[in-house]
Amino acid sequence: MAEDYIEYNRFDPNVLMKRAEELGDDWAEKDAAFGMLDDTKKNLVGKLMSSLLDDGVPTTKAEHYAHAKKEYADYIKDLGEARREKNKASVKYKTYLKWIDLIQTKEANQRAEMKIK
């Protein structure tokens, strides 16, 4: 928190932009990781269903059984964690951008006050 206070009072646009870029990159990486996991959902279900279908289990039943397997439960847990990390990174990034906007507004107000006096 003290770091933020010092950074706020220093108002170095280069430092602020670099930090915004770092947070944006972090969000992009986590968004991509979530996307890759999400994109493989159908492949995993198909893989889990294939042996059941080979054994003559009807498609609907095979899908239900596939969803009940531990491998699918682990996948859903990992997907949920990736979504959580992506969302937290997005919040940090968007909050930081808003913080920069507020600093800019404060600086503009101070300049306006100086002209009035």
PDB file of N, CA and C in Angstrom:
ATOM      1  N   MET A   1       0.820  -1.189   0.000  1.00  0.00           N
ATOM      2  CA  MET A   1       0.000   0.000   0.000  1.00  0.00           C
ATOM      3  C   MET A   1       0.864   1.253   0.000  1.00  0.00           C
ATOM      4  N   ALA A   2       1.964   1.235   0.750  1.00  0.00           N
ATOM      5  CA  ALA A   2       2.857   2.399   0.779  1.00  0.00           C
ATOM      6  C   ALA A   2       3.448   2.647  -0.597  1.00  0.00           C
ATOM      7  N   GLU A   3       3.718   1.547  -1.320  1.00  0.00           N
ATOM      8  CA  GLU A   3       4.244   1.676  -2.684  1.00  0.00           C
ATOM      9  C   GLU A   3       3.267   2.435  -3.575  1.00  0.00           C
ATOM     10  N   ASP A   4       1.978   2.107  -3.454  1.00  0.00           N
ATOM     11  CA  ASP A   4       0.949   2.790  -4.237  1.00  0.00           C
ATOM     12  C   ASP A   4       0.891   4.266  -3.885  1.00  0.00           C
ATOM     13  N   TYR A   5       1.036   4.585  -2.587  1.00  0.00           N
ATOM     14  CA  TYR A   5       0.989   5.973  -2.152  1.00  0.00           C
ATOM     15  C   TYR A   5       2.140   6.768  -2.756  1.00  0.00           C
ATOM     16  N   ILE A   6       3.329   6.182  -2.726  1.00  0.00           N
ATOM     17  CA  ILE A   6       4.500   6.846  -3.303  1.00  0.00           C
ATOM     18  C   ILE A   6       4.309   7.011  -4.803  1.00  0.00           C
ATOM     19  N   GLU A   7       3.859   5.941  -5.459  1.00  0.00           N
ATOM     20  CA  GLU A   7       3.634   5.987  -6.899  1.00  0.00           C
ATOM     21  C   GLU A   7       2.577   7.032  -7.252  1.00  0.00           C
ATOM     22  N   TYR A   8       1.538   7.123  -6.440  1.00  0.00           N
ATOM     23  CA  TYR A   8       0.462   8.088  -6.675  1.00  0.00           C
ATOM     24  C   TYR A   8       0.980   9.516  -6.586  1.00  0.00           C
ATOM     25  N   ASN A   9       1.791   9.783  -5.604  1.00  0.00           N
ATOM     26  CA  ASN A   9       2.288  11.139  -5.411  1.00  0.00           C
ATOM     27  C   ASN A   9       3.409  11.497  -6.388  1.00  0.00           C
ATOM     28  N   ARG A  10       4.007  10.517  -6.989  1.00  0.00           N
ATOM     29  CA  ARG A  10       5.076  10.764  -7.946  1.00  0.00           C
ATOM     30  C   ARG A  10       4.515  11.088  -9.328  1.00  0.00           C
ATOM     31  N   PHE A  11       3.403  10.484  -9.688  1.00  0.00           N
ATOM     32  CA  PHE A  11       2.738  10.659 -10.986  1.00  0.00           C
ATOM     33  C   PHE A  11       3.717  10.662 -12.155  1.00  0.00           C
ATOM     34  N   ASP A  12       4.355   9.557 -12.342  1.00  0.00           N
ATOM     35  CA  ASP A  12       5.234   9.365 -13.490  1.00  0.00           C
ATOM     36  C   ASP A  12       4.450   8.534 -14.511  1.00  0.00           C
ATOM     37  N   PRO A  13       4.004   9.168 -15.600  1.00  0.00           N
ATOM     38  CA  PRO A  13       3.187   8.435 -16.579  1.00  0.00           C
ATOM     39  C   PRO A  13       3.882   7.183 -17.120  1.00  0.00           C
ATOM     40  N   ASN A  14       5.186   7.221 -17.249  1.00  0.00           N
ATOM     41  CA  ASN A  14       5.906   6.047 -17.755  1.00  0.00           C
ATOM     42  C   ASN A  14       5.792   4.869 -16.798  1.00  0.00           C
ATOM     43  N   VAL A  15       5.911   5.148 -15.502  1.00  0.00           N
ATOM     44  CA  VAL A  15       5.785   4.093 -14.496  1.00  0.00           C
ATOM     45  C   VAL A  15       4.360   3.538 -14.501  1.00  0.00           C
ATOM     46  N   LEU A  16       3.386   4.437 -14.571  1.00  0.00           N
ATOM     47  CA  LEU A  16       1.989   4.012 -14.571  1.00  0.00           C
ATOM     48  C   LEU A  16       1.662   3.164 -15.803  1.00  0.00           C
ATOM     49  N   MET A  17       2.134   3.581 -16.940  1.00  0.00           N
ATOM     50  CA  MET A  17       1.851   2.839 -18.170  1.00  0.00           C
ATOM     51  C   MET A  17       2.532   1.471 -18.162  1.00  0.00           C
ATOM     52  N   LYS A  18       3.748   1.414 -17.630  1.00  0.00           N
ATOM     53  CA  LYS A  18       4.467   0.136 -17.552  1.00  0.00           C
ATOM     54  C   LYS A  18       3.701  -0.846 -16.657  1.00  0.00           C
ATOM     55  N   ARG A  19       3.223  -0.349 -15.527  1.00  0.00           N
ATOM     56  CA  ARG A  19       2.468  -1.204 -14.607  1.00  0.00           C
ATOM     57  C   ARG A  19       1.145  -1.647 -15.246  1.00  0.00           C
ATOM     58  N   ALA A  20       0.478  -0.748 -15.939  1.00  0.00           N
ATOM     59  CA  ALA A  20      -0.762  -1.109 -16.632  1.00  0.00           C
ATOM     60  C   ALA A  20      -0.488  -2.195 -17.678  1.00  0.00           C
ATOM     61  N   GLU A  21       0.620  -2.068 -18.375  1.00  0.00           N
ATOM     62  CA  GLU A  21       0.986  -3.075 -19.375  1.00  0.00           C
ATOM     63  C   GLU A  21       1.247  -4.429 -18.715  1.00  0.00           C
ATOM     64  N   GLU A  22       1.948  -4.423 -17.591  1.00  0.00           N
ATOM     65  CA  GLU A  22       2.230  -5.677 -16.877  1.00  0.00           C
ATOM     66  C   GLU A  22       0.934  -6.353 -16.431  1.00  0.00           C
ATOM     67  N   LEU A  23       0.026  -5.570 -15.867  1.00  0.00           N
ATOM     68  CA  LEU A  23      -1.253  -6.132 -15.422  1.00  0.00           C
ATOM     69  C   LEU A  23      -2.086  -6.613 -16.609  1.00  0.00           C
ATOM     70  N   GLY A  24      -2.052  -5.874 -17.709  1.00  0.00           N
ATOM     71  CA  GLY A  24      -2.761  -6.289 -18.918  1.00  0.00           C
ATOM     72  C   GLY A  24      -2.200  -7.582 -19.488  1.00  0.00           C
ATOM     73  N   ASP A  25      -0.881  -7.701 -19.489  1.00  0.00           N
ATOM     74  CA  ASP A  25      -0.246  -8.939 -19.967  1.00  0.00           C
ATOM     75  C   ASP A  25      -0.610 -10.126 -19.080  1.00  0.00           C
ATOM     76  N   ASP A  26      -0.626  -9.892 -17.772  1.00  0.00           N
ATOM     77  CA  ASP A  26      -0.991 -10.961 -16.838  1.00  0.00           C
ATOM     78  C   ASP A  26      -2.420 -11.427 -17.109  1.00  0.00           C
ATOM     79  N   TRP A  27      -3.329 -10.467 -17.301  1.00  0.00           N
ATOM     80  CA  TRP A  27      -4.707 -10.827 -17.608  1.00  0.00           C
ATOM     81  C   TRP A  27      -4.788 -11.599 -18.929  1.00  0.00           C
ATOM     82  N   ALA A  28      -4.058 -11.143 -19.940  1.00  0.00           N
ATOM     83  CA  ALA A  28      -4.094 -11.805 -21.251  1.00  0.00           C
ATOM     84  C   ALA A  28      -3.595 -13.250 -21.153  1.00  0.00           C
ATOM     85  N   GLU A  29      -2.536 -13.461 -20.391  1.00  0.00           N
ATOM     86  CA  GLU A  29      -2.002 -14.823 -20.218  1.00  0.00           C
ATOM     87  C   GLU A  29      -3.027 -15.725 -19.523  1.00  0.00           C
ATOM     88  N   LYS A  30      -3.660 -15.202 -18.492  1.00  0.00           N
ATOM     89  CA  LYS A  30      -4.634 -16.003 -17.751  1.00  0.00           C
ATOM     90  C   LYS A  30      -5.905 -16.223 -18.569  1.00  0.00           C
ATOM     91  N   ASP A  31      -6.275 -15.252 -19.372  1.00  0.00           N
ATOM     92  CA  ASP A  31      -7.426 -15.407 -20.257  1.00  0.00           C
ATOM     93  C   ASP A  31      -7.139 -16.488 -21.305  1.00  0.00           C
ATOM     94  N   ALA A  32      -5.929 -16.489 -21.834  1.00  0.00           N
ATOM     95  CA  ALA A  32      -5.548 -17.506 -22.824  1.00  0.00           C
ATOM     96  C   ALA A  32      -5.517 -18.900 -22.197  1.00  0.00           C
ATOM     97  N   ALA A  33      -4.997 -18.999 -20.977  1.00  0.00           N
ATOM     98  CA  ALA A  33      -4.943 -20.301 -20.292  1.00  0.00           C
ATOM     99  C   ALA A  33      -6.352 -20.844 -20.065  1.00  0.00           C
ATOM    100  N   PHE A  34      -7.257 -19.959 -19.631  1.00  0.00           N
ATOM    101  CA  PHE A  34      -8.643 -20.377 -19.448  1.00  0.00           C
ATOM    102  C   PHE A  34      -9.256 -20.798 -20.784  1.00  0.00           C
ATOM    103  N   GLY A  35      -9.024 -20.005 -21.821  1.00  0.00           N
ATOM    104  CA  GLY A  35      -9.574 -20.303 -23.142  1.00  0.00           C
ATOM    105  C   GLY A  35      -9.121 -21.652 -23.672  1.00  0.00           C
ATOM    106  N   MET A  36      -7.835 -21.956 -23.474  1.00  0.00           N
ATOM    107  CA  MET A  36      -7.325 -23.251 -23.951  1.00  0.00           C
ATOM    108  C   MET A  36      -7.980 -24.407 -23.201  1.00  0.00           C
ATOM    109  N   LEU A  37      -8.156 -24.240 -21.898  1.00  0.00           N
ATOM    110  CA  LEU A  37      -8.836 -25.286 -21.127  1.00  0.00           C
ATOM    111  C   LEU A  37     -10.285 -25.439 -21.581  1.00  0.00           C
ATOM    112  N   ASP A  38     -10.961 -24.324 -21.737  1.00  0.00           N
ATOM    113  CA  ASP A  38     -12.365 -24.339 -22.134  1.00  0.00           C
ATOM    114  C   ASP A  38     -12.548 -24.967 -23.516  1.00  0.00           C
ATOM    115  N   ASP A  39     -11.612 -24.705 -24.412  1.00  0.00           N
ATOM    116  CA  ASP A  39     -11.695 -25.247 -25.771  1.00  0.00           C
ATOM    117  C   ASP A  39     -11.543 -26.763 -25.820  1.00  0.00           C
ATOM    118  N   THR A  40     -10.961 -27.357 -24.795  1.00  0.00           N
ATOM    119  CA  THR A  40     -10.728 -28.804 -24.813  1.00  0.00           C
ATOM    120  C   THR A  40     -11.845 -29.607 -24.135  1.00  0.00           C
ATOM    121  N   LYS A  41     -12.876 -28.919 -23.684  1.00  0.00           N
ATOM    122  CA  LYS A  41     -13.952 -29.591 -22.947  1.00  0.00           C
ATOM    123  C   LYS A  41     -14.618 -30.693 -23.781  1.00  0.00           C
ATOM    124  N   LYS A  42     -14.993 -30.366 -25.007  1.00  0.00           N
ATOM    125  CA  LYS A  42     -15.674 -31.358 -25.854  1.00  0.00           C
ATOM    126  C   LYS A  42     -14.749 -32.533 -26.177  1.00  0.00           C
ATOM    127  N   ASN A  43     -13.466 -32.228 -26.369  1.00  0.00           N
ATOM    128  CA  ASN A  43     -12.514 -33.312 -26.654  1.00  0.00           C
ATOM    129  C   ASN A  43     -12.421 -34.284 -25.483  1.00  0.00           C
ATOM    130  N   LEU A  44     -12.379 -33.742 -24.269  1.00  0.00           N
ATOM    131  CA  LEU A  44     -12.293 -34.600 -23.090  1.00  0.00           C
ATOM    132  C   LEU A  44     -13.551 -35.452 -22.945  1.00  0.00           C
ATOM    133  N   VAL A  45     -14.703 -34.844 -23.102  1.00  0.00           N
ATOM    134  CA  VAL A  45     -15.956 -35.603 -22.984  1.00  0.00           C
ATOM    135  C   VAL A  45     -15.997 -36.687 -24.061  1.00  0.00           C
ATOM    136  N   GLY A  46     -15.607 -36.348 -25.269  1.00  0.00           N
ATOM    137  CA  GLY A  46     -15.577 -37.346 -26.345  1.00  0.00           C
ATOM    138  C   GLY A  46     -14.643 -38.500 -26.026  1.00  0.00           C
ATOM    139  N   LYS A  47     -13.479 -38.184 -25.481  1.00  0.00           N
ATOM    140  CA  LYS A  47     -12.510 -39.230 -25.110  1.00  0.00           C
ATOM    141  C   LYS A  47     -13.091 -40.128 -24.023  1.00  0.00           C
ATOM    142  N   LEU A  48     -13.725 -39.515 -23.019  1.00  0.00           N
ATOM    143  CA  LEU A  48     -14.295 -40.291 -21.928  1.00  0.00           C
ATOM    144  C   LEU A  48     -15.490 -41.122 -22.390  1.00  0.00           C
ATOM    145  N   MET A  49     -16.206 -40.654 -23.392  1.00  0.00           N
ATOM    146  CA  MET A  49     -17.379 -41.367 -23.901  1.00  0.00           C
ATOM    147  C   MET A  49     -17.008 -42.498 -24.858  1.00  0.00           C
ATOM    148  N   SER A  50     -15.893 -42.371 -25.551  1.00  0.00           N
ATOM    149  CA  SER A  50     -15.596 -43.299 -26.653  1.00  0.00           C
ATOM    150  C   SER A  50     -15.567 -44.761 -26.225  1.00  0.00           C
ATOM    151  N   SER A  51     -14.925 -45.065 -25.102  1.00  0.00           N
ATOM    152  CA  SER A  51     -14.877 -46.470 -24.683  1.00  0.00           C
ATOM    153  C   SER A  51     -16.263 -46.971 -24.277  1.00  0.00           C
ATOM    154  N   LEU A  52     -17.047 -46.085 -23.707  1.00  0.00           N
ATOM    155  CA  LEU A  52     -18.416 -46.474 -23.327  1.00  0.00           C
ATOM    156  C   LEU A  52     -19.263 -46.750 -24.569  1.00  0.00           C
ATOM    157  N   LEU A  53     -19.107 -45.911 -25.577  1.00  0.00           N
ATOM    158  CA  LEU A  53     -19.858 -46.111 -26.818  1.00  0.00           C
ATOM    159  C   LEU A  53     -19.420 -47.407 -27.500  1.00  0.00           C
ATOM    160  N   ASP A  54     -18.120 -47.713 -27.428  1.00  0.00           N
ATOM    161  CA  ASP A  54     -17.621 -48.973 -28.000  1.00  0.00           C
ATOM    162  C   ASP A  54     -18.237 -50.183 -27.310  1.00  0.00           C
ATOM    163  N   ASP A  55     -18.584 -50.002 -26.020  1.00  0.00           N
ATOM    164  CA  ASP A  55     -19.205 -51.094 -25.268  1.00  0.00           C
ATOM    165  C   ASP A  55     -20.720 -51.159 -25.472  1.00  0.00           C
ATOM    166  N   GLY A  56     -21.257 -50.276 -26.340  1.00  0.00           N
ATOM    167  CA  GLY A  56     -22.673 -50.324 -26.665  1.00  0.00           C
ATOM    168  C   GLY A  56     -23.567 -49.453 -25.781  1.00  0.00           C
ATOM    169  N   VAL A  57     -22.965 -48.629 -24.944  1.00  0.00           N
ATOM    170  CA  VAL A  57     -23.768 -47.742 -24.090  1.00  0.00           C
ATOM    171  C   VAL A  57     -24.365 -46.643 -24.976  1.00  0.00           C
ATOM    172  N   PRO A  58     -25.649 -46.326 -24.824  1.00  0.00           N
ATOM    173  CA  PRO A  58     -26.257 -45.260 -25.619  1.00  0.00           C
ATOM    174  C   PRO A  58     -25.550 -43.915 -25.377  1.00  0.00           C
ATOM    175  N   THR A  59     -25.582 -43.068 -26.375  1.00  0.00           N
ATOM    176  CA  THR A  59     -24.859 -41.792 -26.343  1.00  0.00           C
ATOM    177  C   THR A  59     -25.209 -40.940 -25.131  1.00  0.00           C
ATOM    178  N   THR A  60     -26.476 -40.784 -24.851  1.00  0.00           N
ATOM    179  CA  THR A  60     -26.902 -39.932 -23.736  1.00  0.00           C
ATOM    180  C   THR A  60     -26.381 -40.478 -22.416  1.00  0.00           C
ATOM    181  N   LYS A  61     -26.488 -41.773 -22.255  1.00  0.00           N
ATOM    182  CA  LYS A  61     -26.017 -42.407 -21.028  1.00  0.00           C
ATOM    183  C   LYS A  61     -24.492 -42.310 -20.940  1.00  0.00           C
ATOM    184  N   ALA A  62     -23.817 -42.510 -22.051  1.00  0.00           N
ATOM    185  CA  ALA A  62     -22.348 -42.428 -22.064  1.00  0.00           C
ATOM    186  C   ALA A  62     -21.878 -41.029 -21.667  1.00  0.00           C
ATOM    187  N   GLU A  63     -22.611 -40.021 -22.120  1.00  0.00           N
ATOM    188  CA  GLU A  63     -22.247 -38.642 -21.760  1.00  0.00           C
ATOM    189  C   GLU A  63     -22.423 -38.419 -20.260  1.00  0.00           C
ATOM    190  N   HIS A  64     -23.500 -38.912 -19.698  1.00  0.00           N
ATOM    191  CA  HIS A  64     -23.723 -38.793 -18.245  1.00  0.00           C
ATOM    192  C   HIS A  64     -22.618 -39.505 -17.477  1.00  0.00           C
ATOM    193  N   TYR A  65     -22.256 -40.687 -17.909  1.00  0.00           N
ATOM    194  CA  TYR A  65     -21.187 -41.435 -17.253  1.00  0.00           C
ATOM    195  C   TYR A  65     -19.846 -40.697 -17.382  1.00  0.00           C
ATOM    196  N   ALA A  66     -19.616 -40.122 -18.549  1.00  0.00           N
ATOM    197  CA  ALA A  66     -18.360 -39.377 -18.765  1.00  0.00           C
ATOM    198  C   ALA A  66     -18.267 -38.199 -17.798  1.00  0.00           C
ATOM    199  N   HIS A  67     -19.383 -37.513 -17.582  1.00  0.00           N
ATOM    200  CA  HIS A  67     -19.401 -36.370 -16.661  1.00  0.00           C
ATOM    201  C   HIS A  67     -19.202 -36.806 -15.217  1.00  0.00           C
ATOM    202  N   ALA A  68     -19.468 -38.051 -14.927  1.00  0.00           N
ATOM    203  CA  ALA A  68     -19.329 -38.554 -13.559  1.00  0.00           C
ATOM    204  C   ALA A  68     -17.912 -39.047 -13.252  1.00  0.00           C
ATOM    205  N   LYS A  69     -17.072 -39.137 -14.262  1.00  0.00           N
ATOM    206  CA  LYS A  69     -15.721 -39.663 -14.055  1.00  0.00           C
ATOM    207  C   LYS A  69     -14.838 -38.651 -13.326  1.00  0.00           C
ATOM    208  N   LYS A  70     -13.886 -39.166 -12.573  1.00  0.00           N
ATOM    209  CA  LYS A  70     -12.961 -38.328 -11.801  1.00  0.00           C
ATOM    210  C   LYS A  70     -12.149 -37.407 -12.715  1.00  0.00           C
ATOM    211  N   GLU A  71     -11.759 -37.906 -13.849  1.00  0.00           N
ATOM    212  CA  GLU A  71     -10.974 -37.103 -14.785  1.00  0.00           C
ATOM    213  C   GLU A  71     -11.740 -35.846 -15.209  1.00  0.00           C
ATOM    214  N   TYR A  72     -13.047 -35.998 -15.416  1.00  0.00           N
ATOM    215  CA  TYR A  72     -13.881 -34.853 -15.788  1.00  0.00           C
ATOM    216  C   TYR A  72     -14.047 -33.899 -14.601  1.00  0.00           C
ATOM    217  N   ALA A  73     -14.228 -34.452 -13.409  1.00  0.00           N
ATOM    218  CA  ALA A  73     -14.356 -33.620 -12.202  1.00  0.00           C
ATOM    219  C   ALA A  73     -13.081 -32.810 -11.972  1.00  0.00           C
ATOM    220  N   ASP A  74     -11.929 -33.442 -12.172  1.00  0.00           N
ATOM    221  CA  ASP A  74     -10.646 -32.730 -12.033  1.00  0.00           C
ATOM    222  C   ASP A  74     -10.533 -31.626 -13.071  1.00  0.00           C
ATOM    223  N   TYR A  75     -10.969 -31.928 -14.280  1.00  0.00           N
ATOM    224  CA  TYR A  75     -10.938 -30.930 -15.356  1.00  0.00           C
ATOM    225  C   TYR A  75     -11.806 -29.727 -15.000  1.00  0.00           C
ATOM    226  N   ILE A  76     -13.013 -29.974 -14.506  1.00  0.00           N
ATOM    227  CA  ILE A  76     -13.934 -28.896 -14.135  1.00  0.00           C
ATOM    228  C   ILE A  76     -13.329 -28.053 -13.007  1.00  0.00           C
ATOM    229  N   LYS A  77     -12.680 -28.704 -12.064  1.00  0.00           N
ATOM    230  CA  LYS A  77     -12.006 -27.973 -10.974  1.00  0.00           C
ATOM    231  C   LYS A  77     -10.913 -27.070 -11.540  1.00  0.00           C
ATOM    232  N   ASP A  78     -10.091 -27.602 -12.444  1.00  0.00           N
ATOM    233  CA  ASP A  78      -9.024 -26.807 -13.069  1.00  0.00           C
ATOM    234  C   ASP A  78      -9.605 -25.656 -13.896  1.00  0.00           C
ATOM    235  N   LEU A  79     -10.696 -25.926 -14.589  1.00  0.00           N
ATOM    236  CA  LEU A  79     -11.344 -24.893 -15.396  1.00  0.00           C
ATOM    237  C   LEU A  79     -11.862 -23.768 -14.502  1.00  0.00           C
ATOM    238  N   GLY A  80     -12.469 -24.137 -13.393  1.00  0.00           N
ATOM    239  CA  GLY A  80     -12.968 -23.139 -12.452  1.00  0.00           C
ATOM    240  C   GLY A  80     -11.844 -22.297 -11.869  1.00  0.00           C
ATOM    241  N   GLU A  81     -10.725 -22.923 -11.544  1.00  0.00           N
ATOM    242  CA  GLU A  81      -9.580 -22.192 -11.008  1.00  0.00           C
ATOM    243  C   GLU A  81      -8.996 -21.246 -12.058  1.00  0.00           C
ATOM    244  N   ALA A  82      -8.925 -21.703 -13.291  1.00  0.00           N
ATOM    245  CA  ALA A  82      -8.430 -20.846 -14.373  1.00  0.00           C
ATOM    246  C   ALA A  82      -9.360 -19.658 -14.584  1.00  0.00           C
ATOM    247  N   ARG A  83     -10.657 -19.882 -14.497  1.00  0.00           N
ATOM    248  CA  ARG A  83     -11.632 -18.792 -14.629  1.00  0.00           C
ATOM    249  C   ARG A  83     -11.456 -17.791 -13.491  1.00  0.00           C
ATOM    250  N   ARG A  84     -11.267 -18.294 -12.267  1.00  0.00           N
ATOM    251  CA  ARG A  84     -11.076 -17.421 -11.112  1.00  0.00           C
ATOM    252  C   ARG A  84      -9.821 -16.561 -11.279  1.00  0.00           C
ATOM    253  N   GLU A  85      -8.730 -17.173 -11.686  1.00  0.00           N
ATOM    254  CA  GLU A  85      -7.471 -16.435 -11.881  1.00  0.00           C
ATOM    255  C   GLU A  85      -7.606 -15.395 -12.992  1.00  0.00           C
ATOM    256  N   LYS A  86      -8.278 -15.766 -14.058  1.00  0.00           N
ATOM    257  CA  LYS A  86      -8.515 -14.833 -15.171  1.00  0.00           C
ATOM    258  C   LYS A  86      -9.340 -13.639 -14.701  1.00  0.00           C
ATOM    259  N   ASN A  87     -10.400 -13.909 -13.965  1.00  0.00           N
ATOM    260  CA  ASN A  87     -11.275 -12.836 -13.495  1.00  0.00           C
ATOM    261  C   ASN A  87     -10.568 -11.926 -12.499  1.00  0.00           C
ATOM    262  N   LYS A  88      -9.781 -12.505 -11.595  1.00  0.00           N
ATOM    263  CA  LYS A  88      -9.041 -11.691 -10.628  1.00  0.00           C
ATOM    264  C   LYS A  88      -8.028 -10.800 -11.341  1.00  0.00           C
ATOM    265  N   ALA A  89      -7.354 -11.334 -12.345  1.00  0.00           N
ATOM    266  CA  ALA A  89      -6.393 -10.535 -13.108  1.00  0.00           C
ATOM    267  C   ALA A  89      -7.099  -9.418 -13.859  1.00  0.00           C
ATOM    268  N   SER A  90      -8.274  -9.703 -14.387  1.00  0.00           N
ATOM    269  CA  SER A  90      -9.049  -8.684 -15.095  1.00  0.00           C
ATOM    270  C   SER A  90      -9.454  -7.551 -14.150  1.00  0.00           C
ATOM    271  N   VAL A  91      -9.891  -7.906 -12.957  1.00  0.00           N
ATOM    272  CA  VAL A  91     -10.280  -6.895 -11.973  1.00  0.00           C
ATOM    273  C   VAL A  91      -9.087  -6.018 -11.607  1.00  0.00           C
ATOM    274  N   LYS A  92      -7.935  -6.633 -11.377  1.00  0.00           N
ATOM    275  CA  LYS A  92      -6.735  -5.855 -11.029  1.00  0.00           C
ATOM    276  C   LYS A  92      -6.370  -4.894 -12.157  1.00  0.00           C
ATOM    277  N   TYR A  93      -6.417  -5.391 -13.368  1.00  0.00           N
ATOM    278  CA  TYR A  93      -6.066  -4.562 -14.528  1.00  0.00           C
ATOM    279  C   TYR A  93      -7.041  -3.393 -14.684  1.00  0.00           C
ATOM    280  N   LYS A  94      -8.330  -3.680 -14.653  1.00  0.00           N
ATOM    281  CA  LYS A  94      -9.336  -2.628 -14.831  1.00  0.00           C
ATOM    282  C   LYS A  94      -9.311  -1.624 -13.680  1.00  0.00           C
ATOM    283  N   THR A  95      -9.078  -2.112 -12.470  1.00  0.00           N
ATOM    284  CA  THR A  95      -8.987  -1.220 -11.314  1.00  0.00           C
ATOM    285  C   THR A  95      -7.793  -0.288 -11.450  1.00  0.00           C
ATOM    286  N   TYR A  96      -6.680  -0.826 -11.900  1.00  0.00           N
ATOM    287  CA  TYR A  96      -5.482   0.000 -12.074  1.00  0.00           C
ATOM    288  C   TYR A  96      -5.713   1.066 -13.141  1.00  0.00           C
ATOM    289  N   LEU A  97      -6.364   0.697 -14.238  1.00  0.00           N
ATOM    290  CA  LEU A  97      -6.660   1.690 -15.275  1.00  0.00           C
ATOM    291  C   LEU A  97      -7.556   2.796 -14.728  1.00  0.00           C
ATOM    292  N   LYS A  98      -8.534   2.424 -13.917  1.00  0.00           N
ATOM    293  CA  LYS A  98      -9.420   3.429 -13.313  1.00  0.00           C
ATOM    294  C   LYS A  98      -8.624   4.324 -12.364  1.00  0.00           C
ATOM    295  N   TRP A  99      -7.710   3.722 -11.622  1.00  0.00           N
ATOM    296  CA  TRP A  99      -6.869   4.471 -10.697  1.00  0.00           C
ATOM    297  C   TRP A  99      -6.049   5.515 -11.463  1.00  0.00           C
ATOM    298  N   ILE A 100      -5.522   5.125 -12.611  1.00  0.00           N
ATOM    299  CA  ILE A 100      -4.771   6.075 -13.447  1.00  0.00           C
ATOM    300  C   ILE A 100      -5.682   7.227 -13.873  1.00  0.00           C
ATOM    301  N   ASP A 101      -6.914   6.910 -14.270  1.00  0.00           N
ATOM    302  CA  ASP A 101      -7.875   7.965 -14.645  1.00  0.00           C
ATOM    303  C   ASP A 101      -8.113   8.937 -13.487  1.00  0.00           C
ATOM    304  N   LEU A 102      -8.249   8.393 -12.283  1.00  0.00           N
ATOM    305  CA  LEU A 102      -8.480   9.244 -11.118  1.00  0.00           C
ATOM    306  C   LEU A 102      -7.274  10.140 -10.820  1.00  0.00           C
ATOM    307  N   ILE A 103      -6.081   9.604 -10.987  1.00  0.00           N
ATOM    308  CA  ILE A 103      -4.871  10.408 -10.786  1.00  0.00           C
ATOM    309  C   ILE A 103      -4.820  11.534 -11.808  1.00  0.00           C
ATOM    310  N   GLN A 104      -5.139  11.219 -13.052  1.00  0.00           N
ATOM    311  CA  GLN A 104      -5.139  12.246 -14.099  1.00  0.00           C
ATOM    312  C   GLN A 104      -6.152  13.344 -13.775  1.00  0.00           C
ATOM    313  N   THR A 105      -7.310  12.961 -13.283  1.00  0.00           N
ATOM    314  CA  THR A 105      -8.333  13.937 -12.911  1.00  0.00           C
ATOM    315  C   THR A 105      -7.832  14.818 -11.768  1.00  0.00           C
ATOM    316  N   LYS A 106      -7.207  14.209 -10.778  1.00  0.00           N
ATOM    317  CA  LYS A 106      -6.663  14.970  -9.647  1.00  0.00           C
ATOM    318  C   LYS A 106      -5.624  15.971 -10.134  1.00  0.00           C
ATOM    319  N   GLU A 107      -4.733  15.519 -11.012  1.00  0.00           N
ATOM    320  CA  GLU A 107      -3.684  16.407 -11.542  1.00  0.00           C
ATOM    321  C   GLU A 107      -4.302  17.564 -12.327  1.00  0.00           C
ATOM    322  N   ALA A 108      -5.308  17.271 -13.128  1.00  0.00           N
ATOM    323  CA  ALA A 108      -5.973  18.318 -13.909  1.00  0.00           C
ATOM    324  C   ALA A 108      -6.656  19.322 -12.980  1.00  0.00           C
ATOM    325  N   ASN A 109      -7.287  18.815 -11.925  1.00  0.00           N
ATOM    326  CA  ASN A 109      -7.942  19.704 -10.960  1.00  0.00           C
ATOM    327  C   ASN A 109      -6.922  20.606 -10.259  1.00  0.00           C
ATOM    328  N   GLN A 110      -5.779  20.057  -9.916  1.00  0.00           N
ATOM    329  CA  GLN A 110      -4.739  20.858  -9.265  1.00  0.00           C
ATOM    330  C   GLN A 110      -4.221  21.951 -10.201  1.00  0.00           C
ATOM    331  N   ARG A 111      -4.046  21.614 -11.464  1.00  0.00           N
ATOM    332  CA  ARG A 111      -3.593  22.626 -12.437  1.00  0.00           C
ATOM    333  C   ARG A 111      -4.644  23.727 -12.587  1.00  0.00           C
ATOM    334  N   ALA A 112      -5.912  23.340 -12.609  1.00  0.00           N
ATOM    335  CA  ALA A 112      -7.000  24.324 -12.734  1.00  0.00           C
ATOM    336  C   ALA A 112      -7.042  25.232 -11.498  1.00  0.00           C
ATOM    337  N   GLU A 113      -6.840  24.648 -10.323  1.00  0.00           N
ATOM    338  CA  GLU A 113      -6.829  25.435  -9.090  1.00  0.00           C
ATOM    339  C   GLU A 113      -5.676  26.459  -9.105  1.00  0.00           C
ATOM    340  N   MET A 114      -4.548  26.063  -9.619  1.00  0.00           N
ATOM    341  CA  MET A 114      -3.396  26.970  -9.664  1.00  0.00           C
ATOM    342  C   MET A 114      -3.674  28.176 -10.554  1.00  0.00           C
ATOM    343  N   LYS A 115      -4.416  27.950 -11.617  1.00  0.00           N
ATOM    344  CA  LYS A 115      -4.748  29.053 -12.544  1.00  0.00           C
ATOM    345  C   LYS A 115      -5.757  30.008 -11.919  1.00  0.00           C
ATOM    346  N   ILE A 116      -6.643  29.476 -11.068  1.00  0.00           N
ATOM    347  CA  ILE A 116      -7.674  30.302 -10.442  1.00  0.00           C
ATOM    348  C   ILE A 116      -7.071  31.223  -9.390  1.00  0.00           C
ATOM    349  N   LYS A 117      -6.096  30.757  -8.639  1.00  0.00           N
ATOM    350  CA  LYS A 117      -5.529  31.534  -7.533  1.00  0.00           C
ATOM    351  C   LYS A 117      -4.756  32.712  -7.976  1.00  0.00           C
TER     352      LYS A 117
END
